[in-house]
Protein backbone atom coordinates (compact mmCIF):
# COMPACT_ATOMS: atom_id res chain seq x y z
CA UNK A 1 -17.13 -17.85 -11.08
CA UNK A 2 -18.07 -14.18 -10.77
CA UNK A 3 -16.94 -11.83 -13.52
CA UNK A 4 -16.49 -8.20 -12.49
CA UNK A 5 -16.08 -5.59 -15.19
CA UNK A 6 -13.75 -2.61 -14.77
CA UNK A 7 -16.45 -0.08 -13.78
CA UNK A 8 -17.78 -2.40 -11.06
CA UNK A 9 -14.26 -2.99 -9.78
CA UNK A 10 -13.65 0.77 -9.48
CA UNK A 11 -16.93 1.25 -7.58
CA UNK A 12 -15.99 -1.56 -5.15
CA UNK A 13 -12.48 -0.25 -4.45
CA UNK A 14 -13.27 2.54 -1.92
CA UNK A 15 -15.16 0.09 0.28
CA UNK A 16 -12.28 -2.38 0.23
CA UNK A 17 -9.79 0.38 1.08
CA UNK A 18 -11.92 1.58 4.01
CA UNK A 19 -12.28 -1.99 5.25
CA UNK A 20 -8.51 -2.46 5.21
CA UNK A 21 -7.93 0.81 7.07
CA UNK A 22 -10.42 -0.22 9.77
CA UNK A 23 -8.49 -3.49 10.16
CA UNK A 24 -5.32 -1.53 11.00
CA UNK A 25 -3.73 -1.15 7.58
CA UNK A 26 -2.14 2.16 6.59
CA UNK A 27 -0.68 3.48 3.37
CA UNK A 28 3.01 2.62 3.03
CA UNK A 29 5.16 4.35 0.42
CA UNK A 30 8.67 3.11 -0.26
CA UNK A 31 11.43 4.40 -2.51
CA UNK A 32 13.78 1.74 -3.81
CA UNK A 33 17.20 2.79 -5.07
CA UNK A 34 18.73 0.04 -7.16
CA UNK A 35 21.75 -0.52 -9.37
CA UNK A 36 21.05 -0.80 -13.08
CA UNK A 37 21.95 -4.31 -14.28
CA UNK A 38 23.85 -3.05 -17.34
CA UNK A 39 25.51 -0.10 -15.56
CA UNK A 40 26.07 -1.08 -11.91
CA UNK A 41 27.52 2.32 -10.96
CA UNK A 42 24.25 4.06 -11.83
CA UNK A 43 21.30 4.13 -9.45
CA UNK A 44 17.66 4.35 -10.41
CA UNK A 45 14.62 5.04 -8.24
CA UNK A 46 11.39 3.06 -8.03
CA UNK A 47 8.36 4.15 -5.95
CA UNK A 48 6.09 1.48 -4.43
CA UNK A 49 2.80 2.05 -2.58
CA UNK A 50 0.57 -0.46 -0.81
CA UNK A 51 -1.60 -0.80 2.27
CA UNK A 52 0.45 -2.46 5.00
CA UNK A 53 0.52 -3.00 8.76
CA UNK A 54 3.15 -1.23 10.86
CA UNK A 55 5.56 -2.09 12.46
CA UNK A 56 5.94 -5.53 10.82
CA UNK A 57 5.30 -4.42 7.18
CA UNK A 58 4.59 -7.90 5.75
CA UNK A 59 3.65 -6.54 2.29
CA UNK A 60 6.81 -4.44 2.03
CA UNK A 61 9.06 -7.33 3.03
CA UNK A 62 7.20 -9.65 0.64
CA UNK A 63 7.90 -7.19 -2.18
CA UNK A 64 11.58 -6.89 -1.19
CA UNK A 65 11.86 -10.70 -1.23
CA UNK A 66 10.22 -10.75 -4.68
CA UNK A 67 12.67 -8.08 -5.88
CA UNK A 68 15.69 -10.02 -4.64
CA UNK A 69 14.50 -13.31 -6.16
CA UNK A 70 13.07 -12.22 -9.52
CA UNK A 71 14.55 -8.88 -10.60
CA UNK A 72 18.07 -8.26 -11.86
CA UNK A 73 18.84 -4.82 -10.40
CA UNK A 74 20.41 -5.28 -6.94
CA UNK A 75 18.95 -3.04 -4.25
CA UNK A 76 21.05 -0.20 -2.92
CA UNK A 77 18.62 1.11 -0.30
CA UNK A 78 14.95 1.30 0.67
CA UNK A 79 13.37 4.27 2.44
CA UNK A 80 9.76 4.17 3.49
CA UNK A 81 7.03 6.12 5.21
CA UNK A 82 3.79 4.85 6.73
CA UNK A 83 0.58 6.78 7.33
CA UNK A 84 -2.22 5.22 9.31
CA UNK A 85 -5.12 7.06 7.69
CA UNK A 86 -8.08 5.89 9.77
CA UNK A 87 -8.17 4.21 13.14
CA UNK A 88 -11.15 2.18 14.28
CA UNK A 89 -11.63 4.56 17.21
CA UNK A 90 -11.96 7.49 14.79
CA UNK A 91 -14.81 5.98 12.79
CA UNK A 92 -18.44 5.71 13.87
CA UNK A 93 -21.39 4.19 12.07
CA UNK A 94 -24.10 6.85 12.06
CA UNK A 95 -27.58 5.32 11.80
CA UNK A 96 -29.61 8.53 11.86
CA UNK A 97 -29.48 12.27 11.70
CA UNK A 98 -31.42 14.91 13.61
CA UNK A 99 -31.67 18.35 12.01
CA UNK A 100 -32.61 21.33 14.17
CA UNK A 101 -33.49 24.70 12.68
């Protein structure tokens, strides 16, 4: 078992994010409006963000399923936006650099 402390985890995170973006993931942000369990006429907002793959959005639908099964506040609506930050065709591995004066 490998134990990773918090500072090592933070230093590893940018590499994992870049790897996910190169695999086709993009940042998905969703706003959930839901009815308060004690006051069903009142709506509250919840913001969710995760890397996900468009147009199927498996992570978003997994979270919606979790919400419906485990949480008490029934959903009113979900609005989302997706931004594909880096495409594999936009990224190149540079192995050297030539500097001319």
